[in-house]
C-alpha atoms as a PDB file:
ATOM      1  CA  UNK A   1      96.320  72.493 104.795  1.00  0.00           C
ATOM      2  CA  UNK A   2      93.720  72.596 107.520  1.00  0.00           C
ATOM      3  CA  UNK A   3      94.750  74.473 110.637  1.00  0.00           C
ATOM      4  CA  UNK A   4      92.658  72.102 112.735  1.00  0.00           C
ATOM      5  CA  UNK A   5      94.877  69.143 111.834  1.00  0.00           C
ATOM      6  CA  UNK A   6      98.202  70.802 112.643  1.00  0.00           C
ATOM      7  CA  UNK A   7      99.719  69.635 115.927  1.00  0.00           C
ATOM      8  CA  UNK A   8     101.215  72.841 117.337  1.00  0.00           C
ATOM      9  CA  UNK A   9     100.349  74.715 120.517  1.00  0.00           C
ATOM     10  CA  UNK A  10      97.343  76.849 119.725  1.00  0.00           C
ATOM     11  CA  UNK A  11      97.356  78.836 122.971  1.00  0.00           C
ATOM     12  CA  UNK A  12      98.701  81.702 120.837  1.00  0.00           C
ATOM     13  CA  UNK A  13     101.961  82.145 122.682  1.00  0.00           C
ATOM     14  CA  UNK A  14     105.047  82.644 120.547  1.00  0.00           C
ATOM     15  CA  UNK A  15     106.084  79.661 118.462  1.00  0.00           C
ATOM     16  CA  UNK A  16     109.626  78.373 118.155  1.00  0.00           C
ATOM     17  CA  UNK A  17     111.149  77.013 114.931  1.00  0.00           C
ATOM     18  CA  UNK A  18     109.899  73.488 115.695  1.00  0.00           C
ATOM     19  CA  UNK A  19     106.316  74.736 116.023  1.00  0.00           C
ATOM     20  CA  UNK A  20     106.575  76.593 112.713  1.00  0.00           C
ATOM     21  CA  UNK A  21     108.119  73.546 111.013  1.00  0.00           C
ATOM     22  CA  UNK A  22     105.235  71.362 112.217  1.00  0.00           C
ATOM     23  CA  UNK A  23     102.708  73.942 111.023  1.00  0.00           C
ATOM     24  CA  UNK A  24     104.168  74.164 107.516  1.00  0.00           C
ATOM     25  CA  UNK A  25     105.057  70.453 107.515  1.00  0.00           C
ATOM     26  CA  UNK A  26     108.648  71.339 106.734  1.00  0.00           C
ATOM     27  CA  UNK A  27     112.049  71.145 108.367  1.00  0.00           C
ATOM     28  CA  UNK A  28     113.449  73.283 111.154  1.00  0.00           C
ATOM     29  CA  UNK A  29     116.423  74.144 108.945  1.00  0.00           C
ATOM     30  CA  UNK A  30     114.021  75.540 106.303  1.00  0.00           C
ATOM     31  CA  UNK A  31     112.368  77.720 108.965  1.00  0.00           C
ATOM     32  CA  UNK A  32     115.742  79.148 110.025  1.00  0.00           C
ATOM     33  CA  UNK A  33     116.811  79.685 106.404  1.00  0.00           C
ATOM     34  CA  UNK A  34     113.623  81.570 105.474  1.00  0.00           C
ATOM     35  CA  UNK A  35     113.658  83.612 108.692  1.00  0.00           C
ATOM     36  CA  UNK A  36     117.338  84.524 108.333  1.00  0.00           C
ATOM     37  CA  UNK A  37     116.672  85.590 104.724  1.00  0.00           C
ATOM     38  CA  UNK A  38     114.065  88.029 106.055  1.00  0.00           C
ATOM     39  CA  UNK A  39     111.173  86.326 104.270  1.00  0.00           C
ATOM     40  CA  UNK A  40     109.443  85.101 107.431  1.00  0.00           C
ATOM     41  CA  UNK A  41     109.215  87.773 110.133  1.00  0.00           C
ATOM     42  CA  UNK A  42     110.471  86.669 113.526  1.00  0.00           C
ATOM     43  CA  UNK A  43     111.470  88.009 116.908  1.00  0.00           C
ATOM     44  CA  UNK A  44     115.086  87.501 117.908  1.00  0.00           C
ATOM     45  CA  UNK A  45     115.603  86.921 121.616  1.00  0.00           C
ATOM     46  CA  UNK A  46     119.320  86.498 122.078  1.00  0.00           C
ATOM     47  CA  UNK A  47     120.209  83.637 119.760  1.00  0.00           C
ATOM     48  CA  UNK A  48     116.642  82.289 119.702  1.00  0.00           C
ATOM     49  CA  UNK A  49     114.050  82.971 117.038  1.00  0.00           C
ATOM     50  CA  UNK A  50     110.394  83.201 117.985  1.00  0.00           C
ATOM     51  CA  UNK A  51     107.401  83.593 115.712  1.00  0.00           C
ATOM     52  CA  UNK A  52     103.942  85.093 116.118  1.00  0.00           C
ATOM     53  CA  UNK A  53     101.389  82.458 115.074  1.00  0.00           C
ATOM     54  CA  UNK A  54      99.212  84.851 113.076  1.00  0.00           C
ATOM     55  CA  UNK A  55     102.241  86.133 111.157  1.00  0.00           C
ATOM     56  CA  UNK A  56     103.176  82.552 110.265  1.00  0.00           C
ATOM     57  CA  UNK A  57      99.611  81.852 109.118  1.00  0.00           C
ATOM     58  CA  UNK A  58      99.632  85.016 106.982  1.00  0.00           C
ATOM     59  CA  UNK A  59     102.985  83.991 105.479  1.00  0.00           C
ATOM     60  CA  UNK A  60     101.569  80.593 104.514  1.00  0.00           C
ATOM     61  CA  UNK A  61      98.434  82.188 103.024  1.00  0.00           C
ATOM     62  CA  UNK A  62     100.505  84.645 100.976  1.00  0.00           C
ATOM     63  CA  UNK A  63     102.834  81.873  99.808  1.00  0.00           C
ATOM     64  CA  UNK A  64      99.852  79.786  98.684  1.00  0.00           C
ATOM     65  CA  UNK A  65      98.343  82.772  96.868  1.00  0.00           C
ATOM     66  CA  UNK A  66     101.649  83.420  95.111  1.00  0.00           C
ATOM     67  CA  UNK A  67     102.002  79.821  93.958  1.00  0.00           C
ATOM     68  CA  UNK A  68      98.412  79.766  92.712  1.00  0.00           C
ATOM     69  CA  UNK A  69      99.080  82.898  90.635  1.00  0.00           C
ATOM     70  CA  UNK A  70     102.210  81.321  89.124  1.00  0.00           C
ATOM     71  CA  UNK A  71     100.181  78.450  87.667  1.00  0.00           C
END
């Protein structure tokens, strides 16, 4: 997945679950499920979850590396 083709705000503010879902081309419910399971680090602000873009990118890179090793 090329970061240049992903349509999320790249001003490096915190991302919400919709931004993360667009980045990983997945669903918002998947983002919440993975974050609540503690697999994707997030910041909890009241009932909201926010994500640091570089942490999300690192998560995706590590997930790709793990799936490549499993092959």
